[in-house]
Amino acid sequence: MRYMVYWKNMLKNKQGDAPMRDFDTTIEARAYIRGCVDAIVTFDKRSTDEKLLQEFEVKTIKKGNL
């Protein structure tokens, strides 16, 4: 089983969530999200951790769907 990180509602024209990267564990996926959020907050002082963390989601995917 693999886990895909999605950025919710990031695709234009309401096409859905933007897939970012897949991982072997949810721990890795959540660490990746935290890293993305930390990078964004560092460069955009208007953003907050709490708001951005809600923008990402981890979904289970089958290995054949990569």
N, C-alpha and C. Protein backbone atom coordinates (compact mmCIF):
# COMPACT_ATOMS: atom_id res chain seq x y z
N MET A 1 0.85 -1.18 0.00
CA MET A 1 0.00 0.00 0.00
C MET A 1 0.89 1.24 0.00
N ARG A 2 0.48 2.25 -0.73
CA ARG A 2 1.23 3.51 -0.82
C ARG A 2 0.29 4.65 -0.40
N TYR A 3 0.89 5.79 -0.13
CA TYR A 3 0.13 6.96 0.32
C TYR A 3 0.52 8.17 -0.52
N MET A 4 -0.47 8.82 -1.11
CA MET A 4 -0.24 9.98 -1.98
C MET A 4 -0.61 11.25 -1.24
N VAL A 5 0.25 12.25 -1.34
CA VAL A 5 -0.04 13.56 -0.77
C VAL A 5 -0.72 14.39 -1.86
N TYR A 6 -1.84 14.99 -1.51
CA TYR A 6 -2.58 15.85 -2.42
C TYR A 6 -2.67 17.25 -1.85
N TRP A 7 -2.59 18.25 -2.71
CA TRP A 7 -2.85 19.64 -2.33
C TRP A 7 -4.28 19.90 -2.77
N LYS A 8 -5.16 20.03 -1.80
CA LYS A 8 -6.60 20.14 -2.07
C LYS A 8 -6.93 21.36 -2.93
N ASN A 9 -7.78 21.13 -3.90
CA ASN A 9 -8.33 22.19 -4.75
C ASN A 9 -7.26 23.08 -5.39
N MET A 10 -6.10 22.52 -5.67
CA MET A 10 -5.02 23.32 -6.24
C MET A 10 -5.09 23.42 -7.76
N LEU A 11 -5.70 22.43 -8.40
CA LEU A 11 -5.79 22.46 -9.85
C LEU A 11 -6.78 23.53 -10.30
N LYS A 12 -6.44 24.21 -11.36
CA LYS A 12 -7.29 25.30 -11.87
C LYS A 12 -8.55 24.73 -12.51
N ASN A 13 -9.52 25.57 -12.69
CA ASN A 13 -10.79 25.21 -13.33
C ASN A 13 -11.53 24.10 -12.59
N LYS A 14 -11.35 24.03 -11.28
CA LYS A 14 -12.06 23.08 -10.42
C LYS A 14 -11.90 21.64 -10.88
N GLN A 15 -10.70 21.28 -11.29
CA GLN A 15 -10.42 19.92 -11.74
C GLN A 15 -10.11 18.99 -10.58
N GLY A 16 -9.97 19.52 -9.39
CA GLY A 16 -9.74 18.67 -8.23
C GLY A 16 -8.43 18.94 -7.53
N ASP A 17 -8.01 17.91 -6.79
CA ASP A 17 -6.79 18.02 -5.98
C ASP A 17 -5.56 17.72 -6.83
N ALA A 18 -4.46 18.36 -6.48
CA ALA A 18 -3.21 18.16 -7.21
C ALA A 18 -2.37 17.10 -6.50
N PRO A 19 -2.10 15.97 -7.17
CA PRO A 19 -1.22 14.97 -6.55
C PRO A 19 0.21 15.50 -6.52
N MET A 20 0.90 15.26 -5.41
CA MET A 20 2.24 15.80 -5.26
C MET A 20 3.31 14.71 -5.27
N ARG A 21 3.21 13.76 -4.33
CA ARG A 21 4.24 12.73 -4.23
C ARG A 21 3.69 11.55 -3.45
N ASP A 22 4.17 10.34 -3.76
CA ASP A 22 3.72 9.15 -3.04
C ASP A 22 4.80 8.67 -2.08
N PHE A 23 4.35 7.96 -1.03
CA PHE A 23 5.24 7.49 0.02
C PHE A 23 4.84 6.10 0.47
N ASP A 24 5.77 5.42 1.15
CA ASP A 24 5.52 4.09 1.69
C ASP A 24 4.70 4.13 2.98
N THR A 25 4.84 5.20 3.75
CA THR A 25 4.16 5.28 5.04
C THR A 25 3.48 6.65 5.21
N THR A 26 2.48 6.68 6.08
CA THR A 26 1.82 7.96 6.36
C THR A 26 2.75 8.89 7.13
N ILE A 27 3.68 8.32 7.88
CA ILE A 27 4.65 9.14 8.62
C ILE A 27 5.48 9.96 7.64
N GLU A 28 5.96 9.31 6.58
CA GLU A 28 6.74 10.01 5.56
C GLU A 28 5.89 11.07 4.86
N ALA A 29 4.65 10.72 4.55
CA ALA A 29 3.76 11.65 3.86
C ALA A 29 3.49 12.89 4.70
N ARG A 30 3.23 12.69 5.99
CA ARG A 30 2.95 13.83 6.86
C ARG A 30 4.20 14.68 7.10
N ALA A 31 5.36 14.07 7.13
CA ALA A 31 6.62 14.83 7.26
C ALA A 31 6.83 15.68 6.01
N TYR A 32 6.52 15.14 4.85
CA TYR A 32 6.63 15.88 3.60
C TYR A 32 5.69 17.10 3.62
N ILE A 33 4.47 16.89 4.08
CA ILE A 33 3.51 18.00 4.18
C ILE A 33 4.06 19.07 5.11
N ARG A 34 4.58 18.67 6.24
CA ARG A 34 5.14 19.63 7.21
C ARG A 34 6.28 20.42 6.57
N GLY A 35 7.13 19.76 5.80
CA GLY A 35 8.22 20.44 5.12
C GLY A 35 7.72 21.45 4.10
N CYS A 36 6.70 21.08 3.35
CA CYS A 36 6.10 22.01 2.37
C CYS A 36 5.53 23.23 3.08
N VAL A 37 4.80 22.99 4.15
CA VAL A 37 4.19 24.08 4.91
C VAL A 37 5.27 24.98 5.50
N ASP A 38 6.30 24.41 6.07
CA ASP A 38 7.39 25.20 6.64
C ASP A 38 8.05 26.09 5.58
N ALA A 39 8.26 25.53 4.39
CA ALA A 39 8.88 26.31 3.31
C ALA A 39 7.98 27.47 2.88
N ILE A 40 6.69 27.23 2.77
CA ILE A 40 5.76 28.28 2.36
C ILE A 40 5.69 29.38 3.41
N VAL A 41 5.60 29.00 4.67
CA VAL A 41 5.50 29.99 5.75
C VAL A 41 6.78 30.81 5.84
N THR A 42 7.92 30.21 5.57
CA THR A 42 9.19 30.94 5.61
C THR A 42 9.22 32.07 4.59
N PHE A 43 8.67 31.83 3.41
CA PHE A 43 8.73 32.82 2.35
C PHE A 43 7.49 33.69 2.24
N ASP A 44 6.39 33.30 2.85
CA ASP A 44 5.16 34.07 2.80
C ASP A 44 4.65 34.28 4.22
N LYS A 45 5.00 35.37 4.81
CA LYS A 45 4.68 35.63 6.21
C LYS A 45 3.18 35.78 6.46
N ARG A 46 2.39 35.91 5.40
CA ARG A 46 0.94 36.04 5.57
C ARG A 46 0.29 34.69 5.84
N SER A 47 0.97 33.61 5.51
CA SER A 47 0.43 32.26 5.69
C SER A 47 0.69 31.78 7.11
N THR A 48 -0.19 30.91 7.58
CA THR A 48 0.00 30.31 8.90
C THR A 48 0.03 28.79 8.77
N ASP A 49 0.73 28.16 9.68
CA ASP A 49 0.84 26.70 9.67
C ASP A 49 -0.52 26.03 9.69
N GLU A 50 -1.38 26.47 10.59
CA GLU A 50 -2.67 25.83 10.78
C GLU A 50 -3.52 25.88 9.51
N LYS A 51 -3.53 27.02 8.85
CA LYS A 51 -4.31 27.18 7.63
C LYS A 51 -3.77 26.30 6.52
N LEU A 52 -2.46 26.29 6.35
CA LEU A 52 -1.85 25.52 5.27
C LEU A 52 -1.92 24.02 5.50
N LEU A 53 -1.79 23.57 6.72
CA LEU A 53 -1.86 22.13 7.00
C LEU A 53 -3.20 21.55 6.55
N GLN A 54 -4.25 22.34 6.62
CA GLN A 54 -5.57 21.88 6.20
C GLN A 54 -5.70 21.78 4.69
N GLU A 55 -4.77 22.38 3.95
CA GLU A 55 -4.80 22.35 2.49
C GLU A 55 -4.27 21.05 1.90
N PHE A 56 -3.62 20.22 2.72
CA PHE A 56 -3.02 18.98 2.24
C PHE A 56 -3.77 17.78 2.78
N GLU A 57 -3.73 16.69 2.00
CA GLU A 57 -4.42 15.47 2.40
C GLU A 57 -3.59 14.26 1.97
N VAL A 58 -3.64 13.21 2.77
CA VAL A 58 -2.96 11.96 2.44
C VAL A 58 -4.04 10.93 2.13
N LYS A 59 -3.93 10.31 0.95
CA LYS A 59 -4.90 9.27 0.55
C LYS A 59 -4.17 7.98 0.25
N THR A 60 -4.80 6.88 0.56
CA THR A 60 -4.26 5.57 0.25
C THR A 60 -4.43 5.28 -1.23
N ILE A 61 -3.38 4.78 -1.86
CA ILE A 61 -3.46 4.39 -3.27
C ILE A 61 -2.92 2.97 -3.43
N LYS A 62 -3.34 2.32 -4.48
CA LYS A 62 -2.82 0.99 -4.78
C LYS A 62 -1.53 1.15 -5.57
N LYS A 63 -0.61 0.22 -5.42
CA LYS A 63 0.68 0.30 -6.10
C LYS A 63 0.53 0.42 -7.62
N GLY A 64 -0.44 -0.21 -8.20
CA GLY A 64 -0.62 -0.16 -9.63
C GLY A 64 -1.14 1.16 -10.16
N ASN A 65 -1.58 2.05 -9.27
CA ASN A 65 -2.16 3.34 -9.67
C ASN A 65 -1.16 4.48 -9.66
N LEU A 66 0.13 4.20 -9.60
CA LEU A 66 1.12 5.27 -9.54
C LEU A 66 1.34 5.88 -10.86
